[in-house]
Protein backbone atom coordinates (compact mmCIF):
# COMPACT_ATOMS: atom_id res chain seq x y z
CA GLY A 1 0.00 0.00 0.00
CA THR A 2 2.87 2.42 0.61
CA ASP A 3 3.79 2.27 -3.07
CA ILE A 4 0.54 4.04 -4.02
CA ILE A 5 1.37 6.88 -1.65
CA ALA A 6 4.91 7.01 -3.06
CA VAL A 7 3.70 7.19 -6.68
CA VAL A 8 1.28 10.04 -5.92
CA VAL A 9 3.86 12.06 -3.97
CA ASN A 10 6.56 11.42 -6.61
CA LYS A 11 4.26 12.75 -9.31
CA TYR A 12 3.76 16.11 -7.59
CA ARG A 13 6.93 16.53 -5.53
CA ASP A 14 10.62 16.08 -6.21
CA ILE A 15 10.96 13.06 -3.90
CA THR A 16 12.12 9.77 -5.38
CA PHE A 17 9.88 6.74 -5.30
CA GLY A 18 12.22 4.76 -3.04
CA ARG A 19 12.74 7.63 -0.62
CA MET A 20 8.98 8.13 -0.21
CA ILE A 21 8.50 4.43 0.49
CA LEU A 22 11.31 4.72 3.05
CA TYR A 23 9.51 7.60 4.81
CA CYS A 24 6.24 5.64 4.93
CA ASP A 25 8.01 2.55 6.21
CA ILE A 26 9.79 4.53 8.93
CA ILE A 27 6.42 5.59 10.29
CA ILE A 28 5.15 1.99 10.14
CA ILE A 29 8.28 0.55 11.78
CA LEU A 30 8.26 3.11 14.58
CA SER A 31 4.60 2.40 15.26
CA CYS A 32 5.45 -1.33 15.58
CA TYR A 33 7.40 -0.55 18.74
CA PHE A 34 4.15 0.36 20.47
CA ILE A 35 2.76 -3.10 19.68
CA PHE A 36 5.77 -5.36 20.35
CA HIS A 37 7.87 -3.17 22.70
CA ASP A 38 11.00 -4.69 21.14
CA TRP A 39 13.81 -2.44 19.84
CA LYS A 40 15.53 -5.36 18.08
CA ARG A 41 12.59 -5.71 15.70
CA VAL A 42 12.57 -1.97 15.09
CA VAL A 43 16.30 -1.89 14.27
CA PHE A 44 15.98 -4.96 12.03
CA GLY A 45 13.04 -3.29 10.28
CA PHE A 46 15.07 -0.12 9.69
CA VAL A 47 18.02 -2.03 8.24
CA THR A 48 15.76 -4.08 5.97
CA MET A 49 13.83 -1.04 4.76
CA GLY A 50 17.00 0.99 4.14
CA ILE A 51 18.49 -1.72 1.96
CA SER A 52 15.27 -2.38 0.04
CA SER A 53 14.68 1.36 -0.56
CA TYR A 54 18.20 1.78 -1.94
CA VAL A 55 17.82 -1.23 -4.23
CA LEU A 56 14.36 -0.10 -5.36
CA ASP A 57 15.64 3.37 -6.27
CA TRP A 58 18.53 1.81 -8.16
CA VAL A 59 16.24 -0.52 -10.15
CA VAL A 60 13.62 2.14 -10.93
CA ASN A 61 16.13 4.85 -11.88
CA SER A 62 18.59 2.65 -13.78
CA THR A 63 16.41 2.84 -16.90
CA ARG A 64 16.46 6.64 -16.70
CA GLN A 65 20.24 7.02 -16.52
CA SER A 66 21.69 9.20 -19.25
CA VAL A 67 25.17 9.83 -20.60
CA GLN A 68 26.85 12.63 -22.51
CA PHE A 69 29.33 11.98 -25.29
CA LEU A 70 31.94 14.40 -26.57
CA ILE A 71 33.20 13.03 -29.88
CA PHE A 72 36.28 14.46 -31.60
CA SER A 73 36.71 13.26 -35.18
CA LYS A 74 37.54 14.51 -38.65
CA GLU A 75 34.56 12.43 -39.82
CA TYR A 76 32.19 14.44 -37.59
CA ALA A 77 29.53 15.02 -40.29
CA LYS A 78 29.25 11.33 -41.17
CA ILE A 79 29.16 10.33 -37.48
CA ALA A 80 26.51 12.97 -36.71
CA ASP A 81 24.33 11.81 -39.60
CA HIS A 82 24.51 8.18 -38.45
CA ILE A 83 23.78 9.03 -34.81
CA VAL A 84 20.68 10.95 -35.87
CA SER A 85 19.46 8.30 -38.33
CA ASP A 86 20.52 5.08 -36.56
CA ALA A 87 20.51 5.91 -32.83
CA HIS A 88 17.68 8.45 -33.15
CA ARG A 89 19.47 10.98 -30.97
CA GLY A 90 20.14 14.64 -31.51
CA VAL A 91 23.65 15.90 -32.10
CA THR A 92 25.10 19.34 -31.41
CA VAL A 93 28.22 20.40 -33.30
CA LEU A 94 30.59 22.76 -31.50
CA ASP A 95 33.72 24.49 -32.73
CA GLY A 96 36.78 23.55 -30.72
CA THR A 97 40.50 24.19 -30.77
CA GLY A 98 43.12 21.75 -29.57
CA TRP A 99 45.40 23.75 -27.31
CA TYR A 100 48.42 21.51 -27.82
CA SER A 101 48.11 21.34 -31.61
CA LYS A 102 46.44 24.75 -32.05
CA GLN A 103 44.24 23.06 -34.67
CA GLY A 104 40.53 23.78 -35.08
CA MET A 105 38.12 20.87 -34.96
CA LYS A 106 34.45 20.07 -34.66
CA VAL A 107 33.19 18.49 -31.42
CA LEU A 108 29.98 16.46 -31.37
CA VAL A 109 27.86 16.56 -28.22
CA VAL A 110 25.36 13.72 -27.86
CA LEU A 111 23.01 13.00 -24.97
CA ALA A 112 21.66 9.45 -24.85
CA ARG A 113 20.32 6.79 -22.54
CA LYS A 114 23.00 4.70 -20.88
CA SER A 115 21.56 1.63 -22.59
CA GLN A 116 22.46 3.19 -25.98
CA SER A 117 26.14 3.70 -25.10
CA ILE A 118 27.48 0.53 -26.70
CA SER A 119 25.63 1.12 -29.97
CA ILE A 120 26.95 4.69 -30.17
CA PHE A 121 30.52 3.51 -29.48
CA ARG A 122 30.19 0.87 -32.21
CA LEU A 123 28.75 3.37 -34.66
CA VAL A 124 31.62 5.82 -34.10
CA LYS A 125 34.25 3.06 -34.28
CA GLU A 126 32.87 1.80 -37.61
CA ILE A 127 33.13 5.27 -39.15
CA ASP A 128 36.35 6.51 -37.52
CA PRO A 129 38.41 4.03 -35.48
CA ASN A 130 40.73 6.90 -34.46
CA ALA A 131 37.98 9.10 -33.03
CA PHE A 132 38.46 10.41 -29.51
CA ILE A 133 35.35 9.87 -27.35
CA SER A 134 34.61 11.08 -23.86
CA GLN A 135 31.59 9.64 -22.04
CA SER A 136 30.27 11.02 -18.77
CA SER A 137 27.24 10.31 -16.62
CA VAL A 138 24.57 12.96 -16.52
CA ILE A 139 22.37 13.44 -13.48
CA GLY A 140 19.33 14.68 -15.37
CA VAL A 141 18.30 15.24 -18.96
CA TYR A 142 14.96 16.89 -19.56
CA GLY A 143 13.17 17.41 -22.84
CA GLN A 144 12.03 15.47 -25.87
CA GLY A 145 13.20 11.86 -25.77
CA PHE A 146 14.16 12.04 -22.08
CA ASP A 147 12.39 12.94 -18.83
CA ARG A 148 9.69 15.56 -18.63
CA LEU A 149 10.77 18.68 -16.77
CA LYS A 150 8.99 18.81 -13.41
CA VAL A 151 8.57 22.28 -11.96
CA LYS A 152 6.96 22.22 -8.54
């Protein structure tokens, strides 16, 4: 039953599903002390709920994890075209300058789901095996193709 409360609160507030379940379970566990008068059960309940809330958040949010790619390649146009057509992701092209070489280059910026990382790496490697790629985790990506922006 606490999951229904968590879903409703998560929809309207910026509190994760797992954290809201944790808050509800804390209230339930603390109220159990008044029935059993046993602190061991309360502590065991807290440990169990803490672990399950962490795991639940990890499972629910793992599908929403996003990554950012910075791709440096002379074949930037071909790579960008294939990312848009094959991976169905947007690409931003930036002008960059290598400080060591003092050479101008184009830098591709791609935001994608973590589950698409391997296919993007393969796509880039097929086109330009010498491309330089930086991948970093992104905490939140909001907009078309990602999460809806919640303003509360």
